[in-house]
N, C-alpha and C. Protein backbone atom coordinates (compact mmCIF):
# COMPACT_ATOMS: atom_id res chain seq x y z
N MET A 1 5.36 5.60 -20.16
CA MET A 1 4.83 4.77 -18.74
C MET A 1 5.81 5.02 -17.73
N ASP A 2 5.59 5.40 -16.62
CA ASP A 2 6.29 5.34 -15.49
C ASP A 2 6.60 3.89 -14.88
N ALA A 3 7.82 3.52 -14.68
CA ALA A 3 8.05 2.28 -14.34
C ALA A 3 7.52 2.09 -12.68
N ALA A 4 7.91 3.07 -12.06
CA ALA A 4 7.52 3.00 -10.63
C ALA A 4 6.05 2.82 -10.44
N LEU A 5 5.18 3.46 -11.16
CA LEU A 5 3.82 3.35 -11.14
C LEU A 5 3.25 2.02 -11.55
N ASP A 6 4.00 1.47 -12.62
CA ASP A 6 3.68 0.22 -13.18
C ASP A 6 3.97 -0.86 -12.05
N LEU A 7 5.09 -0.59 -11.51
CA LEU A 7 5.38 -1.63 -10.39
C LEU A 7 4.37 -1.70 -9.27
N HIS A 8 4.03 -0.38 -8.85
CA HIS A 8 3.00 -0.47 -7.70
C HIS A 8 1.64 -1.09 -8.41
N ALA A 9 1.25 -0.99 -9.81
CA ALA A 9 0.06 -1.58 -10.21
C ALA A 9 0.28 -3.15 -10.20
N ALA A 10 1.64 -3.49 -10.26
CA ALA A 10 1.70 -5.02 -10.35
C ALA A 10 1.29 -5.75 -9.06
N LEU A 11 1.05 -4.76 -7.93
CA LEU A 11 0.50 -5.41 -6.76
C LEU A 11 -1.02 -5.67 -6.83
N ILE A 12 -1.57 -5.02 -7.76
CA ILE A 12 -3.09 -5.24 -7.89
C ILE A 12 -3.67 -6.65 -8.10
N PRO A 13 -3.00 -7.47 -8.83
CA PRO A 13 -3.50 -8.77 -8.97
C PRO A 13 -3.28 -9.62 -7.67
N LEU A 14 -2.16 -9.46 -7.07
CA LEU A 14 -1.88 -10.19 -5.75
C LEU A 14 -3.11 -9.72 -4.71
N LEU A 15 -3.32 -8.51 -4.64
CA LEU A 15 -4.35 -8.00 -3.71
C LEU A 15 -5.51 -8.58 -4.08
N ARG A 16 -6.02 -8.50 -5.17
CA ARG A 16 -7.32 -9.00 -5.74
C ARG A 16 -7.40 -10.54 -5.21
N VAL A 17 -6.58 -11.26 -5.46
CA VAL A 17 -6.62 -12.77 -4.85
C VAL A 17 -6.79 -12.78 -3.34
N VAL A 18 -6.19 -11.92 -2.67
CA VAL A 18 -6.30 -11.97 -1.29
C VAL A 18 -7.71 -11.48 -0.98
N LEU A 19 -8.11 -10.44 -1.53
CA LEU A 19 -9.50 -9.86 -1.20
C LEU A 19 -10.69 -10.78 -1.68
N ILE A 20 -10.45 -11.54 -2.55
CA ILE A 20 -11.59 -12.52 -3.06
C ILE A 20 -11.76 -13.63 -1.93
N ARG A 21 -10.42 -14.00 -1.63
CA ARG A 21 -10.36 -15.21 -0.53
C ARG A 21 -10.97 -14.75 0.74
N ARG A 22 -10.66 -13.45 1.15
CA ARG A 22 -11.15 -12.91 2.34
C ARG A 22 -12.63 -12.49 2.45
N GLY A 23 -13.34 -12.60 1.27
CA GLY A 23 -14.74 -12.37 1.13
C GLY A 23 -15.39 -11.32 1.84
N GLY A 24 -14.91 -9.91 1.66
CA GLY A 24 -15.79 -8.87 2.07
C GLY A 24 -15.20 -8.22 3.44
N GLU A 25 -14.11 -8.71 3.93
CA GLU A 25 -13.66 -8.18 5.16
C GLU A 25 -12.80 -6.86 4.91
N PHE A 26 -12.56 -6.55 3.74
CA PHE A 26 -12.02 -5.25 3.59
C PHE A 26 -12.75 -4.45 2.61
N SER A 27 -12.90 -3.13 3.13
CA SER A 27 -13.82 -2.26 2.39
C SER A 27 -13.05 -0.98 1.87
N THR A 28 -11.92 -0.62 2.52
CA THR A 28 -11.24 0.71 2.11
C THR A 28 -9.79 0.35 1.60
N LEU A 29 -9.30 1.09 0.76
CA LEU A 29 -8.13 1.03 0.16
C LEU A 29 -7.41 2.35 0.29
N CYS A 30 -6.36 2.46 0.93
CA CYS A 30 -5.58 3.78 1.21
C CYS A 30 -4.21 3.51 0.49
N GLU A 31 -4.03 4.51 -0.45
CA GLU A 31 -2.70 4.46 -1.20
C GLU A 31 -1.84 5.53 -0.32
N ILE A 32 -0.70 5.00 0.20
CA ILE A 32 0.24 5.82 0.94
C ILE A 32 1.20 6.52 -0.07
N GLY A 33 1.19 8.01 -0.34
CA GLY A 33 1.96 8.35 -1.35
C GLY A 33 1.40 8.27 -2.78
N CYS A 34 0.28 8.71 -3.00
CA CYS A 34 -0.60 8.25 -4.23
C CYS A 34 0.05 8.92 -5.43
N GLY A 35 0.84 9.98 -5.34
CA GLY A 35 1.40 10.56 -6.50
C GLY A 35 0.22 11.06 -7.43
N SER A 36 0.16 10.77 -8.80
CA SER A 36 -0.83 11.18 -9.65
C SER A 36 -2.05 10.58 -9.56
N GLY A 37 -2.34 9.59 -8.74
CA GLY A 37 -3.73 9.03 -8.56
C GLY A 37 -3.85 7.82 -9.46
N ARG A 38 -2.99 7.58 -10.42
CA ARG A 38 -3.33 6.57 -11.50
C ARG A 38 -3.50 5.11 -10.82
N VAL A 39 -2.80 4.83 -9.81
CA VAL A 39 -2.90 3.49 -9.33
C VAL A 39 -4.31 3.23 -8.77
N LEU A 40 -4.69 4.45 -8.09
CA LEU A 40 -6.02 4.30 -7.34
C LEU A 40 -7.22 4.20 -8.32
N ARG A 41 -6.98 4.82 -9.33
CA ARG A 41 -7.92 4.75 -10.61
C ARG A 41 -8.03 3.24 -11.14
N ASP A 42 -6.77 2.86 -11.08
CA ASP A 42 -6.82 1.36 -11.52
C ASP A 42 -7.45 0.37 -10.55
N CYS A 43 -7.21 0.70 -9.18
CA CYS A 43 -7.75 -0.12 -8.18
C CYS A 43 -9.37 0.05 -8.32
N ALA A 44 -9.65 1.02 -8.42
CA ALA A 44 -11.29 1.40 -8.35
C ALA A 44 -11.87 0.44 -9.70
N GLU A 45 -11.08 0.48 -10.70
CA GLU A 45 -11.63 -0.35 -11.72
C GLU A 45 -11.47 -1.70 -11.66
N ARG A 46 -10.55 -2.28 -10.99
CA ARG A 46 -10.13 -3.68 -10.98
C ARG A 46 -10.47 -4.37 -9.46
N LEU A 47 -10.81 -3.60 -8.50
CA LEU A 47 -11.16 -4.14 -7.23
C LEU A 47 -12.48 -3.74 -6.73
N PRO A 48 -13.45 -4.46 -7.31
CA PRO A 48 -14.74 -4.25 -6.94
C PRO A 48 -15.38 -4.41 -5.48
N GLN A 49 -14.41 -5.29 -4.76
CA GLN A 49 -14.66 -5.50 -3.54
C GLN A 49 -14.51 -4.43 -2.58
N ILE A 50 -13.87 -3.33 -2.92
CA ILE A 50 -13.45 -2.13 -2.00
C ILE A 50 -14.48 -1.00 -2.44
N VAL A 51 -14.97 -0.44 -1.55
CA VAL A 51 -16.07 0.64 -1.65
C VAL A 51 -15.59 1.91 -1.44
N ARG A 52 -14.36 2.23 -0.66
CA ARG A 52 -13.85 3.33 -0.29
C ARG A 52 -12.45 3.34 -0.75
N TYR A 53 -12.05 4.51 -1.55
CA TYR A 53 -10.55 4.60 -2.13
C TYR A 53 -10.13 5.90 -1.47
N VAL A 54 -8.98 5.89 -0.80
CA VAL A 54 -8.45 7.12 -0.28
C VAL A 54 -6.93 7.37 -0.78
N GLY A 55 -6.56 8.48 -1.40
CA GLY A 55 -5.19 8.77 -1.71
C GLY A 55 -4.57 9.68 -0.86
N LEU A 56 -3.52 9.35 -0.14
CA LEU A 56 -2.77 10.33 0.60
C LEU A 56 -1.47 11.12 -0.12
N HIS A 57 -1.35 12.31 -0.10
CA HIS A 57 -0.21 12.85 -0.52
C HIS A 57 0.22 14.15 0.24
N ASP A 58 1.38 14.41 0.17
CA ASP A 58 1.86 15.39 1.09
C ASP A 58 1.94 16.70 0.38
N SER A 59 1.38 16.82 -0.92
CA SER A 59 1.40 18.25 -1.40
C SER A 59 -0.10 18.48 -1.81
N ARG A 60 -0.55 19.81 -1.23
CA ARG A 60 -1.75 20.22 -1.54
C ARG A 60 -2.04 20.54 -2.87
N THR A 61 -1.15 20.89 -3.70
CA THR A 61 -1.38 21.27 -5.20
C THR A 61 -1.53 19.74 -5.92
N GLN A 62 -0.87 18.76 -5.75
CA GLN A 62 -1.17 17.48 -6.19
C GLN A 62 -2.44 16.88 -5.74
N THR A 63 -2.79 17.15 -4.53
CA THR A 63 -3.99 16.59 -3.97
C THR A 63 -5.38 17.30 -4.74
N GLN A 64 -5.08 18.57 -4.96
CA GLN A 64 -6.18 19.51 -5.67
C GLN A 64 -6.23 19.02 -7.14
N LEU A 65 -5.07 18.76 -7.78
CA LEU A 65 -5.11 18.16 -9.07
C LEU A 65 -5.76 16.83 -9.30
N ASN A 66 -5.39 15.98 -8.22
CA ASN A 66 -5.96 14.54 -8.28
C ASN A 66 -7.56 14.73 -8.08
N ARG A 67 -8.03 15.69 -7.26
CA ARG A 67 -9.45 15.74 -7.08
C ARG A 67 -10.09 16.29 -8.26
N ALA A 68 -9.49 17.00 -8.99
CA ALA A 68 -10.31 17.54 -10.21
C ALA A 68 -10.03 16.48 -11.33
N LEU A 69 -9.02 15.86 -11.46
CA LEU A 69 -8.82 14.91 -12.51
C LEU A 69 -9.65 13.53 -12.34
N TYR A 70 -9.84 13.22 -11.07
CA TYR A 70 -10.50 11.88 -10.91
C TYR A 70 -11.86 12.27 -10.05
N ARG A 71 -12.48 13.38 -10.50
CA ARG A 71 -13.76 13.68 -9.94
C ARG A 71 -15.03 12.62 -10.16
N ASP A 72 -14.84 11.84 -11.17
CA ASP A 72 -15.82 11.05 -11.62
C ASP A 72 -15.67 9.54 -11.22
N PHE A 73 -14.61 9.46 -10.18
CA PHE A 73 -14.27 8.09 -9.66
C PHE A 73 -14.54 8.15 -8.30
N PRO A 74 -14.91 6.97 -7.60
CA PRO A 74 -15.18 6.95 -6.23
C PRO A 74 -13.91 7.15 -5.22
N ILE A 75 -13.04 8.11 -5.52
CA ILE A 75 -11.71 8.14 -4.70
C ILE A 75 -11.69 9.57 -3.92
N ARG A 76 -11.19 9.42 -2.92
CA ARG A 76 -11.09 10.73 -2.07
C ARG A 76 -9.56 10.92 -1.89
N PHE A 77 -9.07 11.93 -2.22
CA PHE A 77 -7.77 12.45 -2.08
C PHE A 77 -7.51 13.34 -0.92
N GLU A 78 -6.63 13.08 -0.04
CA GLU A 78 -6.25 13.88 1.24
C GLU A 78 -4.86 14.29 1.30
N CYS A 79 -4.59 15.42 1.88
CA CYS A 79 -3.28 15.97 2.01
C CYS A 79 -2.92 16.01 3.53
N VAL A 80 -2.89 14.79 4.06
CA VAL A 80 -2.49 14.58 5.40
C VAL A 80 -1.57 13.52 5.64
N SER A 81 -0.95 13.44 6.82
CA SER A 81 -0.09 12.36 7.09
C SER A 81 -0.77 11.06 7.33
N LEU A 82 -0.03 10.01 7.05
CA LEU A 82 -0.57 8.56 7.34
C LEU A 82 -1.06 8.65 8.71
N LEU A 83 -0.20 8.91 9.79
CA LEU A 83 -0.68 8.87 11.02
C LEU A 83 -1.92 9.51 11.43
N GLU A 84 -1.88 10.78 10.79
CA GLU A 84 -3.26 11.49 11.14
C GLU A 84 -4.50 10.90 10.46
N TRP A 85 -4.38 10.33 9.31
CA TRP A 85 -5.44 9.66 8.71
C TRP A 85 -5.86 8.53 9.57
N VAL A 86 -4.83 7.69 9.74
CA VAL A 86 -5.08 6.38 10.61
C VAL A 86 -5.84 6.77 11.89
N ALA A 87 -5.43 7.83 12.50
CA ALA A 87 -6.09 8.35 13.89
C ALA A 87 -7.41 8.93 13.65
N THR A 88 -7.73 9.47 12.58
CA THR A 88 -9.05 10.12 12.42
C THR A 88 -10.06 9.55 11.55
N GLN A 89 -9.49 8.72 10.43
CA GLN A 89 -10.49 8.24 9.34
C GLN A 89 -10.42 6.84 9.08
N ALA A 90 -9.36 6.12 9.54
CA ALA A 90 -9.30 4.71 9.11
C ALA A 90 -10.15 3.78 9.98
N ALA A 91 -10.48 2.77 9.54
CA ALA A 91 -11.33 1.74 10.33
C ALA A 91 -10.74 0.43 10.02
N PRO A 92 -11.27 -0.54 10.90
CA PRO A 92 -10.81 -2.04 10.57
C PRO A 92 -11.28 -2.38 9.20
N GLY A 93 -10.56 -3.22 8.46
CA GLY A 93 -10.87 -3.65 7.22
C GLY A 93 -10.16 -2.80 6.08
N SER A 94 -9.24 -2.16 6.47
CA SER A 94 -8.47 -1.16 5.56
C SER A 94 -7.33 -1.90 5.03
N VAL A 95 -7.03 -1.54 3.60
CA VAL A 95 -5.84 -2.06 2.88
C VAL A 95 -5.07 -0.85 2.69
N PHE A 96 -3.66 -1.00 2.90
CA PHE A 96 -2.85 0.05 2.57
C PHE A 96 -1.83 -0.46 1.54
N LEU A 97 -1.67 0.61 0.39
CA LEU A 97 -0.91 0.13 -0.57
C LEU A 97 0.18 1.16 -0.73
N THR A 98 1.45 0.67 -0.92
CA THR A 98 2.64 1.78 -0.89
C THR A 98 3.84 1.08 -1.51
N ASP A 99 4.80 1.77 -1.49
CA ASP A 99 6.18 1.28 -1.81
C ASP A 99 7.06 1.33 -0.67
N ALA A 100 8.21 0.84 -0.84
CA ALA A 100 9.13 0.95 0.25
C ALA A 100 9.84 2.35 0.58
N ASP A 101 10.01 2.96 -0.56
CA ASP A 101 10.55 4.38 -0.15
C ASP A 101 9.43 5.16 0.74
N GLU A 102 8.25 5.02 0.61
CA GLU A 102 7.32 5.93 1.44
C GLU A 102 7.45 5.31 2.88
N LEU A 103 7.54 3.95 3.28
CA LEU A 103 7.68 3.59 4.66
C LEU A 103 9.05 3.99 5.07
N ARG A 104 10.18 3.84 4.18
CA ARG A 104 11.52 4.13 4.67
C ARG A 104 11.68 5.54 5.02
N SER A 105 10.60 6.49 4.56
CA SER A 105 10.75 8.03 5.12
C SER A 105 10.34 8.06 6.36
N PHE A 106 9.70 7.29 7.10
CA PHE A 106 9.29 7.31 8.46
C PHE A 106 10.49 6.94 9.27
N ASP A 107 10.51 7.64 10.64
CA ASP A 107 11.42 7.28 11.48
C ASP A 107 11.03 5.93 12.16
N ALA A 108 11.85 5.25 13.02
CA ALA A 108 11.70 4.04 13.69
C ALA A 108 10.34 4.23 14.67
N ALA A 109 10.25 5.27 15.31
CA ALA A 109 9.23 5.24 16.07
C ALA A 109 7.90 5.62 15.62
N LEU A 110 7.80 6.42 14.43
CA LEU A 110 6.64 6.48 13.74
C LEU A 110 6.25 5.30 13.02
N LEU A 111 7.09 4.57 12.52
CA LEU A 111 6.80 3.34 11.86
C LEU A 111 6.25 2.27 13.00
N GLY A 112 6.80 2.29 13.97
CA GLY A 112 6.35 1.35 15.19
C GLY A 112 5.00 1.69 15.60
N THR A 113 4.61 2.95 15.49
CA THR A 113 3.26 3.42 15.82
C THR A 113 2.31 2.85 14.81
N ILE A 114 2.78 2.92 13.61
CA ILE A 114 1.92 2.50 12.35
C ILE A 114 1.52 1.01 12.47
N TRP A 115 2.71 0.23 12.70
CA TRP A 115 2.57 -1.02 12.88
C TRP A 115 1.64 -1.60 13.91
N ARG A 116 1.68 -1.01 15.00
CA ARG A 116 0.68 -1.17 16.14
C ARG A 116 -0.83 -0.80 15.82
N CYS A 117 -0.81 0.20 15.13
CA CYS A 117 -2.22 0.65 14.66
C CYS A 117 -2.87 -0.44 13.83
N TRP A 118 -2.05 -0.72 12.82
CA TRP A 118 -2.53 -1.81 11.90
C TRP A 118 -2.87 -3.23 12.67
N ARG A 119 -2.03 -3.43 13.56
CA ARG A 119 -1.95 -4.78 14.26
C ARG A 119 -3.18 -4.78 15.28
N GLN A 120 -3.46 -3.68 15.89
CA GLN A 120 -4.50 -3.56 16.91
C GLN A 120 -5.78 -2.92 16.54
N SER A 121 -5.69 -1.57 16.33
CA SER A 121 -7.17 -1.06 16.26
C SER A 121 -7.74 -1.12 14.85
N LEU A 122 -6.90 -1.38 13.87
CA LEU A 122 -7.35 -1.46 12.56
C LEU A 122 -7.48 -2.94 12.07
N ARG A 123 -7.31 -3.85 13.11
CA ARG A 123 -7.44 -5.32 12.49
C ARG A 123 -8.86 -5.65 12.12
N PRO A 124 -8.92 -6.23 11.08
CA PRO A 124 -7.91 -6.86 10.04
C PRO A 124 -7.41 -5.66 9.08
N ALA A 125 -6.14 -5.59 8.75
CA ALA A 125 -5.55 -4.51 7.81
C ALA A 125 -4.72 -5.34 6.86
N LEU A 126 -4.57 -4.95 5.64
CA LEU A 126 -3.69 -5.55 4.70
C LEU A 126 -2.57 -4.34 4.49
N LEU A 127 -1.42 -4.73 4.11
CA LEU A 127 -0.42 -4.01 3.57
C LEU A 127 0.05 -4.59 2.27
N ALA A 128 -0.02 -4.00 1.18
CA ALA A 128 0.48 -4.30 -0.08
C ALA A 128 1.60 -3.38 -0.47
N ILE A 129 2.77 -4.09 -0.64
CA ILE A 129 4.00 -3.12 -0.81
C ILE A 129 5.02 -3.65 -1.72
N ALA A 130 5.70 -2.79 -2.62
CA ALA A 130 6.76 -3.15 -3.66
C ALA A 130 8.09 -3.01 -2.84
N ILE A 131 9.03 -4.02 -2.76
CA ILE A 131 10.30 -3.72 -2.20
C ILE A 131 11.21 -3.99 -3.08
N PRO A 132 12.22 -2.94 -3.52
CA PRO A 132 13.26 -3.36 -4.28
C PRO A 132 14.34 -4.20 -3.67
N VAL A 133 14.90 -5.14 -4.47
CA VAL A 133 15.93 -5.95 -3.94
C VAL A 133 17.35 -5.29 -4.31
N PRO A 134 18.14 -5.10 -3.48
CA PRO A 134 19.55 -4.58 -3.90
C PRO A 134 20.07 -5.40 -4.91
N VAL A 135 20.81 -4.61 -5.87
CA VAL A 135 21.53 -5.08 -6.88
C VAL A 135 22.71 -5.96 -6.32
N GLY A 136 22.86 -7.23 -6.85
CA GLY A 136 23.90 -8.15 -6.33
C GLY A 136 23.54 -8.76 -5.18
N ALA A 137 22.21 -8.86 -4.54
CA ALA A 137 21.88 -9.61 -3.28
C ALA A 137 22.07 -10.85 -3.46
N ALA A 138 22.66 -11.45 -2.54
CA ALA A 138 22.75 -12.96 -2.72
C ALA A 138 21.53 -13.82 -2.46
N PRO A 139 21.29 -14.95 -3.22
CA PRO A 139 20.03 -15.68 -3.00
C PRO A 139 19.63 -15.84 -1.53
N GLY A 140 18.58 -15.76 -1.13
CA GLY A 140 18.06 -15.91 0.21
C GLY A 140 18.24 -14.86 1.09
N PHE A 141 18.78 -13.62 0.39
CA PHE A 141 19.03 -12.42 1.28
C PHE A 141 17.84 -11.95 1.82
N GLU A 142 17.58 -11.53 3.09
CA GLU A 142 16.31 -11.26 3.79
C GLU A 142 16.29 -9.66 3.75
N LEU A 143 15.47 -9.10 3.09
CA LEU A 143 15.25 -7.72 2.88
C LEU A 143 14.79 -7.06 4.36
N PRO A 144 15.53 -6.06 4.86
CA PRO A 144 15.33 -5.57 6.14
C PRO A 144 13.86 -5.08 6.34
N LEU A 145 13.29 -4.47 5.30
CA LEU A 145 11.83 -4.15 5.56
C LEU A 145 10.86 -5.27 5.48
N LEU A 146 11.22 -6.34 4.58
CA LEU A 146 10.30 -7.52 4.81
C LEU A 146 10.36 -8.16 6.13
N ALA A 147 11.82 -8.23 6.62
CA ALA A 147 12.01 -8.83 7.94
C ALA A 147 11.26 -7.92 9.01
N ASP A 148 10.99 -6.66 8.94
CA ASP A 148 10.32 -5.91 9.65
C ASP A 148 8.89 -6.14 9.68
N ILE A 149 8.41 -6.32 8.42
CA ILE A 149 7.09 -6.68 8.03
C ILE A 149 6.54 -8.07 8.77
N ARG A 150 7.47 -9.02 8.59
CA ARG A 150 7.18 -10.31 9.07
C ARG A 150 7.28 -10.28 10.50
N ARG A 151 7.89 -9.40 11.20
CA ARG A 151 7.95 -9.36 12.54
C ARG A 151 6.71 -8.82 13.17
N HIS A 152 5.95 -7.89 12.57
CA HIS A 152 4.91 -7.22 13.04
C HIS A 152 3.56 -7.75 12.52
N ALA A 153 3.49 -8.32 11.45
CA ALA A 153 2.46 -8.84 10.65
C ALA A 153 1.93 -10.09 11.30
N ARG A 154 0.66 -10.44 11.26
CA ARG A 154 0.10 -11.68 11.64
C ARG A 154 0.53 -12.67 10.60
N ALA A 155 0.45 -12.46 9.43
CA ALA A 155 0.90 -13.40 8.22
C ALA A 155 1.43 -12.57 7.00
N VAL A 156 2.26 -13.18 6.29
CA VAL A 156 2.61 -12.64 4.95
C VAL A 156 2.10 -13.54 4.05
N ARG A 157 0.88 -13.05 3.30
CA ARG A 157 0.25 -13.96 2.39
C ARG A 157 0.94 -14.08 1.17
N TYR A 158 1.81 -13.09 0.59
CA TYR A 158 2.60 -13.12 -0.68
C TYR A 158 3.87 -12.32 -0.27
N ALA A 159 5.04 -12.91 -0.78
CA ALA A 159 6.25 -12.36 -0.76
C ALA A 159 6.84 -12.98 -1.93
N MET A 160 6.83 -12.48 -3.16
CA MET A 160 7.30 -12.95 -4.35
C MET A 160 8.19 -12.01 -5.10
N GLU A 161 9.57 -12.60 -5.43
CA GLU A 161 10.35 -11.80 -6.12
C GLU A 161 10.10 -11.90 -7.59
N MET A 162 10.37 -10.85 -8.35
CA MET A 162 10.16 -10.76 -9.69
C MET A 162 11.12 -9.75 -10.35
N THR A 163 11.31 -9.87 -11.63
CA THR A 163 12.27 -8.84 -12.45
C THR A 163 11.19 -7.97 -12.94
N PHE A 164 11.44 -6.59 -12.82
CA PHE A 164 10.52 -5.53 -13.31
C PHE A 164 11.37 -4.56 -13.61
N ALA A 165 11.25 -3.93 -14.83
CA ALA A 165 12.05 -2.88 -15.46
C ALA A 165 13.51 -3.02 -15.12
N ASN A 166 14.07 -4.20 -15.53
CA ASN A 166 15.46 -4.66 -15.20
C ASN A 166 15.90 -4.40 -13.79
N ARG A 167 15.05 -4.71 -12.88
CA ARG A 167 15.47 -4.79 -11.41
C ARG A 167 14.63 -5.64 -10.77
N GLN A 168 15.20 -6.30 -9.67
CA GLN A 168 14.50 -7.36 -8.80
C GLN A 168 13.61 -6.61 -7.98
N VAL A 169 12.48 -7.17 -7.63
CA VAL A 169 11.74 -6.55 -6.65
C VAL A 169 10.92 -7.52 -5.89
N CYS A 170 10.41 -7.24 -4.72
CA CYS A 170 9.59 -8.38 -4.00
C CYS A 170 8.21 -7.51 -3.80
N LEU A 171 7.28 -8.33 -4.25
CA LEU A 171 5.89 -7.84 -4.03
C LEU A 171 5.33 -8.60 -2.74
N VAL A 172 4.71 -7.84 -1.90
CA VAL A 172 4.38 -8.34 -0.56
C VAL A 172 2.92 -7.82 -0.28
N VAL A 173 2.15 -8.79 0.15
CA VAL A 173 0.78 -8.61 0.82
C VAL A 173 0.80 -9.24 2.03
N ALA A 174 0.70 -8.45 3.20
CA ALA A 174 0.79 -9.03 4.59
C ALA A 174 -0.52 -8.52 5.24
N GLU A 175 -0.88 -9.43 6.21
CA GLU A 175 -2.05 -9.13 6.98
C GLU A 175 -1.60 -8.76 8.45
N PHE A 176 -2.24 -7.79 8.92
CA PHE A 176 -2.11 -7.35 10.17
C PHE A 176 -3.40 -7.65 11.16
């Protein structure tokens, strides 16, 4: 088992709680950097509130492989950038699932554009993200990415730290 994929999947129960409480406001789940597609498959099986699943990946080869592998699942795999997908296909009521490394790969201007899209044109939107806590971080240390999310989100529904695969991580579900 891949610990990174399992960590990503650890967000699903938190996301499920928020989706149940929000009663039908969210219908699309987009995984940013979907890799093998396994987490999206798990979401399709465990989040019946969602009717549209999308996996974004920057490799055409992986996208084609995922399409073949999961052809019996209600998942659409796309080889486009997040910004392009948001501009052309996203709709209000979208959930974005990712990890910190994916968001850290964006420059500040691009990330600012994404925050604005989620906050304005795609509202309501949710972000479910796993953020590693640096080794040796002092208690109460504010993760820079979490601080950025708090600055742009309407509310942070969950931000809980846990030990996973011998490292500290913060699992976050934020509403935009």
